[in-house]
């Protein structure tokens, strides 16, 4: 469970049996993926899983492990083992493709992975573990240290000023 400051703490407890309790992996569906992913919001960033925290690919790995998937530890290896598809080049074509992708699809660009949460209020929502991002202020790009699992959108900027949507190059849809 999380303490008052949002840090994960381990608590030993007995779990009483009830109908919702199953042995083994969670049932695999979009709703369960999102439920599992949302439990990780605000957890601290940890590159390479350092300190039992999550970077972007260990976040994806941990979400899908609850359903029995075994994924590699970094984005290059994850993209190599999953049946990834390439995104179109133009942003408009990427948006058209995103409209067709189901919630729970994993989006990639070299060095980063994120979970697609669908379109809400005109924005393509994502969940990812992020070390830093760019915040445009008065013709400059301020680098903001996030260091957390967060919900964002693809129009937001990376620390280098490039938007996430322009950077995404591949996706893995576990439902196809």
C-alpha atoms as a PDB file:
ATOM      1  CA  UNK A   1       0.000   0.000   0.000  1.00  0.00           C
ATOM      2  CA  UNK A   2       1.041   3.653  -0.175  1.00  0.00           C
ATOM      3  CA  UNK A   3       1.948   5.774   2.835  1.00  0.00           C
ATOM      4  CA  UNK A   4       0.792   9.369   3.406  1.00  0.00           C
ATOM      5  CA  UNK A   5       3.531  10.684   1.091  1.00  0.00           C
ATOM      6  CA  UNK A   6       2.587   8.297  -1.726  1.00  0.00           C
ATOM      7  CA  UNK A   7       5.516   5.912  -1.272  1.00  0.00           C
ATOM      8  CA  UNK A   8       4.967   2.186  -1.593  1.00  0.00           C
ATOM      9  CA  UNK A   9       5.278   0.292   1.666  1.00  0.00           C
ATOM     10  CA  UNK A  10       5.038  -3.459   2.175  1.00  0.00           C
ATOM     11  CA  UNK A  11       2.433  -4.638   4.666  1.00  0.00           C
ATOM     12  CA  UNK A  12       1.914  -8.299   5.558  1.00  0.00           C
ATOM     13  CA  UNK A  13      -1.771  -9.116   5.807  1.00  0.00           C
ATOM     14  CA  UNK A  14      -4.175 -12.025   5.463  1.00  0.00           C
ATOM     15  CA  UNK A  15      -6.569 -11.802   2.532  1.00  0.00           C
ATOM     16  CA  UNK A  16     -10.008 -13.259   3.196  1.00  0.00           C
ATOM     17  CA  UNK A  17     -11.428 -15.388   0.394  1.00  0.00           C
ATOM     18  CA  UNK A  18     -14.232 -13.873  -1.687  1.00  0.00           C
ATOM     19  CA  UNK A  19     -15.704 -14.329  -5.166  1.00  0.00           C
ATOM     20  CA  UNK A  20     -13.526 -11.638  -6.755  1.00  0.00           C
ATOM     21  CA  UNK A  21     -10.329 -13.351  -5.636  1.00  0.00           C
ATOM     22  CA  UNK A  22      -8.729 -15.603  -8.214  1.00  0.00           C
ATOM     23  CA  UNK A  23      -5.684 -17.795  -8.089  1.00  0.00           C
ATOM     24  CA  UNK A  24      -2.993 -16.998 -10.639  1.00  0.00           C
ATOM     25  CA  UNK A  25      -2.961 -14.130 -13.115  1.00  0.00           C
ATOM     26  CA  UNK A  26      -5.629 -11.466 -13.453  1.00  0.00           C
ATOM     27  CA  UNK A  27      -8.157 -11.906 -16.250  1.00  0.00           C
ATOM     28  CA  UNK A  28      -6.808 -10.115 -19.333  1.00  0.00           C
ATOM     29  CA  UNK A  29      -9.003  -7.317 -20.683  1.00  0.00           C
ATOM     30  CA  UNK A  30      -8.818  -3.573 -21.287  1.00  0.00           C
ATOM     31  CA  UNK A  31     -10.565  -2.649 -18.066  1.00  0.00           C
ATOM     32  CA  UNK A  32      -8.184  -4.757 -15.969  1.00  0.00           C
ATOM     33  CA  UNK A  33      -5.152  -3.260 -17.756  1.00  0.00           C
ATOM     34  CA  UNK A  34      -6.304   0.276 -16.960  1.00  0.00           C
ATOM     35  CA  UNK A  35      -7.173  -0.636 -13.350  1.00  0.00           C
ATOM     36  CA  UNK A  36      -3.713  -2.132 -12.864  1.00  0.00           C
ATOM     37  CA  UNK A  37      -1.978   0.819 -14.519  1.00  0.00           C
ATOM     38  CA  UNK A  38      -3.842   3.410 -12.440  1.00  0.00           C
ATOM     39  CA  UNK A  39      -2.633   1.802  -9.202  1.00  0.00           C
ATOM     40  CA  UNK A  40       0.876   2.951 -10.136  1.00  0.00           C
ATOM     41  CA  UNK A  41       0.163   6.675 -10.590  1.00  0.00           C
ATOM     42  CA  UNK A  42       2.553   8.924  -8.630  1.00  0.00           C
ATOM     43  CA  UNK A  43       5.014   6.147  -7.851  1.00  0.00           C
ATOM     44  CA  UNK A  44       8.578   7.448  -8.007  1.00  0.00           C
ATOM     45  CA  UNK A  45      10.688   7.033 -11.125  1.00  0.00           C
ATOM     46  CA  UNK A  46      13.584   4.612 -10.881  1.00  0.00           C
ATOM     47  CA  UNK A  47      15.781   4.119 -13.926  1.00  0.00           C
ATOM     48  CA  UNK A  48      16.157   0.432 -14.611  1.00  0.00           C
ATOM     49  CA  UNK A  49      13.858  -0.383 -11.682  1.00  0.00           C
ATOM     50  CA  UNK A  50      16.416   0.960  -9.186  1.00  0.00           C
ATOM     51  CA  UNK A  51      15.144   1.085  -5.619  1.00  0.00           C
ATOM     52  CA  UNK A  52      12.068  -0.981  -6.486  1.00  0.00           C
ATOM     53  CA  UNK A  53      10.642   1.948  -8.470  1.00  0.00           C
ATOM     54  CA  UNK A  54       9.760   1.978 -12.138  1.00  0.00           C
ATOM     55  CA  UNK A  55      11.097   3.550 -15.268  1.00  0.00           C
ATOM     56  CA  UNK A  56       8.925   3.561 -18.397  1.00  0.00           C
ATOM     57  CA  UNK A  57       9.618  -0.002 -19.516  1.00  0.00           C
ATOM     58  CA  UNK A  58       9.500  -1.569 -16.066  1.00  0.00           C
ATOM     59  CA  UNK A  59       6.096   0.140 -15.685  1.00  0.00           C
ATOM     60  CA  UNK A  60       4.871  -1.591 -18.871  1.00  0.00           C
ATOM     61  CA  UNK A  61       6.535  -4.833 -17.794  1.00  0.00           C
ATOM     62  CA  UNK A  62       4.900  -4.712 -14.339  1.00  0.00           C
ATOM     63  CA  UNK A  63       1.438  -3.890 -15.688  1.00  0.00           C
ATOM     64  CA  UNK A  64       1.431  -6.777 -18.134  1.00  0.00           C
ATOM     65  CA  UNK A  65       3.112  -9.263 -15.771  1.00  0.00           C
ATOM     66  CA  UNK A  66      -0.089  -9.337 -13.700  1.00  0.00           C
ATOM     67  CA  UNK A  67      -1.762 -10.928 -16.736  1.00  0.00           C
ATOM     68  CA  UNK A  68       0.977 -13.487 -17.334  1.00  0.00           C
ATOM     69  CA  UNK A  69       2.986 -11.616 -19.984  1.00  0.00           C
ATOM     70  CA  UNK A  70       6.754 -11.781 -19.752  1.00  0.00           C
ATOM     71  CA  UNK A  71       8.285  -8.667 -21.311  1.00  0.00           C
ATOM     72  CA  UNK A  72      11.890  -7.584 -21.668  1.00  0.00           C
ATOM     73  CA  UNK A  73      13.372  -4.910 -19.413  1.00  0.00           C
ATOM     74  CA  UNK A  74      14.153  -2.106 -21.869  1.00  0.00           C
ATOM     75  CA  UNK A  75      12.332  -0.507 -24.787  1.00  0.00           C
ATOM     76  CA  UNK A  76      14.666  -1.889 -27.463  1.00  0.00           C
ATOM     77  CA  UNK A  77      14.231  -5.427 -26.170  1.00  0.00           C
ATOM     78  CA  UNK A  78      10.483  -5.007 -25.650  1.00  0.00           C
ATOM     79  CA  UNK A  79      10.057  -3.779 -29.215  1.00  0.00           C
ATOM     80  CA  UNK A  80      12.160  -6.683 -30.511  1.00  0.00           C
ATOM     81  CA  UNK A  81      10.127  -9.366 -28.714  1.00  0.00           C
ATOM     82  CA  UNK A  82       6.615  -7.947 -29.125  1.00  0.00           C
ATOM     83  CA  UNK A  83       4.808  -7.864 -32.440  1.00  0.00           C
ATOM     84  CA  UNK A  84       5.270  -4.134 -32.862  1.00  0.00           C
ATOM     85  CA  UNK A  85       3.865  -2.195 -35.771  1.00  0.00           C
ATOM     86  CA  UNK A  86       5.327   1.003 -37.177  1.00  0.00           C
ATOM     87  CA  UNK A  87       3.486   4.293 -36.897  1.00  0.00           C
ATOM     88  CA  UNK A  88       3.043   6.440 -39.984  1.00  0.00           C
ATOM     89  CA  UNK A  89       5.449   9.367 -40.308  1.00  0.00           C
ATOM     90  CA  UNK A  90       3.142  12.409 -40.294  1.00  0.00           C
ATOM     91  CA  UNK A  91       1.417  13.581 -37.132  1.00  0.00           C
ATOM     92  CA  UNK A  92      -1.975  13.637 -38.886  1.00  0.00           C
ATOM     93  CA  UNK A  93      -1.535  10.011 -39.965  1.00  0.00           C
ATOM     94  CA  UNK A  94      -0.422   9.103 -36.423  1.00  0.00           C
ATOM     95  CA  UNK A  95      -3.624  10.664 -35.058  1.00  0.00           C
ATOM     96  CA  UNK A  96      -5.712   8.632 -37.503  1.00  0.00           C
ATOM     97  CA  UNK A  97      -3.919   5.472 -36.393  1.00  0.00           C
ATOM     98  CA  UNK A  98      -4.396   6.331 -32.706  1.00  0.00           C
ATOM     99  CA  UNK A  99      -8.153   6.617 -33.326  1.00  0.00           C
ATOM    100  CA  UNK A 100      -8.093   2.950 -34.380  1.00  0.00           C
ATOM    101  CA  UNK A 101      -5.946   1.609 -31.538  1.00  0.00           C
ATOM    102  CA  UNK A 102      -7.602   0.178 -28.421  1.00  0.00           C
ATOM    103  CA  UNK A 103      -6.947   1.450 -24.930  1.00  0.00           C
ATOM    104  CA  UNK A 104      -4.083  -0.551 -23.435  1.00  0.00           C
ATOM    105  CA  UNK A 105      -1.861  -0.381 -26.524  1.00  0.00           C
ATOM    106  CA  UNK A 106       1.799   0.263 -25.703  1.00  0.00           C
ATOM    107  CA  UNK A 107       3.389   3.150 -27.625  1.00  0.00           C
ATOM    108  CA  UNK A 108       7.143   3.332 -28.197  1.00  0.00           C
ATOM    109  CA  UNK A 109       9.885   5.558 -29.434  1.00  0.00           C
ATOM    110  CA  UNK A 110      13.562   4.732 -28.968  1.00  0.00           C
ATOM    111  CA  UNK A 111      14.253   4.839 -25.243  1.00  0.00           C
ATOM    112  CA  UNK A 112      10.651   5.215 -24.058  1.00  0.00           C
ATOM    113  CA  UNK A 113       7.429   3.247 -23.627  1.00  0.00           C
ATOM    114  CA  UNK A 114       3.972   4.430 -22.578  1.00  0.00           C
ATOM    115  CA  UNK A 115       0.468   3.020 -22.220  1.00  0.00           C
ATOM    116  CA  UNK A 116      -2.240   4.498 -24.449  1.00  0.00           C
ATOM    117  CA  UNK A 117      -5.363   5.452 -22.482  1.00  0.00           C
ATOM    118  CA  UNK A 118      -7.496   6.655 -25.409  1.00  0.00           C
ATOM    119  CA  UNK A 119      -8.746  10.032 -26.489  1.00  0.00           C
ATOM    120  CA  UNK A 120     -10.370  12.303 -23.938  1.00  0.00           C
ATOM    121  CA  UNK A 121     -11.427  15.920 -24.450  1.00  0.00           C
ATOM    122  CA  UNK A 122      -9.581  15.986 -27.769  1.00  0.00           C
ATOM    123  CA  UNK A 123      -6.279  14.757 -26.302  1.00  0.00           C
ATOM    124  CA  UNK A 124      -4.571  11.405 -26.731  1.00  0.00           C
ATOM    125  CA  UNK A 125      -3.949  10.336 -23.132  1.00  0.00           C
ATOM    126  CA  UNK A 126      -0.978   8.248 -22.004  1.00  0.00           C
ATOM    127  CA  UNK A 127       0.313   6.786 -18.768  1.00  0.00           C
ATOM    128  CA  UNK A 128       4.071   6.574 -18.388  1.00  0.00           C
ATOM    129  CA  UNK A 129       6.921   6.800 -15.936  1.00  0.00           C
ATOM    130  CA  UNK A 130       8.750   9.970 -16.773  1.00  0.00           C
ATOM    131  CA  UNK A 131      12.009  11.422 -15.505  1.00  0.00           C
ATOM    132  CA  UNK A 132      11.665  14.825 -17.136  1.00  0.00           C
ATOM    133  CA  UNK A 133       9.616  16.715 -19.678  1.00  0.00           C
ATOM    134  CA  UNK A 134       9.714  19.997 -21.513  1.00  0.00           C
ATOM    135  CA  UNK A 135       7.382  22.852 -20.624  1.00  0.00           C
ATOM    136  CA  UNK A 136       7.264  25.639 -23.222  1.00  0.00           C
ATOM    137  CA  UNK A 137       7.369  29.053 -21.532  1.00  0.00           C
ATOM    138  CA  UNK A 138       7.829  32.255 -23.523  1.00  0.00           C
ATOM    139  CA  UNK A 139       9.736  30.879 -26.540  1.00  0.00           C
ATOM    140  CA  UNK A 140      11.900  28.679 -24.302  1.00  0.00           C
ATOM    141  CA  UNK A 141      11.680  25.062 -23.211  1.00  0.00           C
ATOM    142  CA  UNK A 142      11.887  24.701 -19.445  1.00  0.00           C
ATOM    143  CA  UNK A 143      12.964  21.202 -18.398  1.00  0.00           C
ATOM    144  CA  UNK A 144      10.769  19.994 -15.547  1.00  0.00           C
ATOM    145  CA  UNK A 145      11.860  16.993 -13.473  1.00  0.00           C
ATOM    146  CA  UNK A 146       8.736  14.842 -13.080  1.00  0.00           C
ATOM    147  CA  UNK A 147      10.329  11.654 -11.686  1.00  0.00           C
ATOM    148  CA  UNK A 148       6.944   9.921 -11.326  1.00  0.00           C
ATOM    149  CA  UNK A 149       4.404   7.689 -13.012  1.00  0.00           C
ATOM    150  CA  UNK A 150       1.901  10.116 -14.478  1.00  0.00           C
ATOM    151  CA  UNK A 151      -0.978  10.542 -16.876  1.00  0.00           C
ATOM    152  CA  UNK A 152      -0.215  12.968 -19.673  1.00  0.00           C
ATOM    153  CA  UNK A 153      -1.029  13.452 -23.308  1.00  0.00           C
ATOM    154  CA  UNK A 154       0.862  13.034 -26.553  1.00  0.00           C
ATOM    155  CA  UNK A 155       0.957  16.767 -27.332  1.00  0.00           C
ATOM    156  CA  UNK A 156       3.167  17.361 -24.285  1.00  0.00           C
ATOM    157  CA  UNK A 157       6.863  17.890 -24.870  1.00  0.00           C
ATOM    158  CA  UNK A 158       9.905  15.830 -24.116  1.00  0.00           C
ATOM    159  CA  UNK A 159      12.859  17.587 -22.494  1.00  0.00           C
ATOM    160  CA  UNK A 160      14.340  18.075 -25.989  1.00  0.00           C
ATOM    161  CA  UNK A 161      11.259  20.077 -27.049  1.00  0.00           C
ATOM    162  CA  UNK A 162       9.852  17.412 -29.382  1.00  0.00           C
ATOM    163  CA  UNK A 163       6.242  16.400 -28.701  1.00  0.00           C
ATOM    164  CA  UNK A 164       5.564  12.828 -27.656  1.00  0.00           C
ATOM    165  CA  UNK A 165       3.249  12.341 -30.639  1.00  0.00           C
ATOM    166  CA  UNK A 166       5.960  13.357 -33.084  1.00  0.00           C
ATOM    167  CA  UNK A 167       8.415  10.971 -31.383  1.00  0.00           C
ATOM    168  CA  UNK A 168       6.279   7.806 -31.273  1.00  0.00           C
ATOM    169  CA  UNK A 169       7.424   5.365 -33.910  1.00  0.00           C
ATOM    170  CA  UNK A 170       5.990   1.958 -32.999  1.00  0.00           C
ATOM    171  CA  UNK A 171       3.192   0.350 -31.034  1.00  0.00           C
ATOM    172  CA  UNK A 172       2.295  -3.034 -29.595  1.00  0.00           C
ATOM    173  CA  UNK A 173      -1.359  -3.930 -29.337  1.00  0.00           C
ATOM    174  CA  UNK A 174      -1.706  -6.941 -27.025  1.00  0.00           C
ATOM    175  CA  UNK A 175      -5.280  -7.524 -28.255  1.00  0.00           C
ATOM    176  CA  UNK A 176      -4.387  -8.186 -31.894  1.00  0.00           C
END
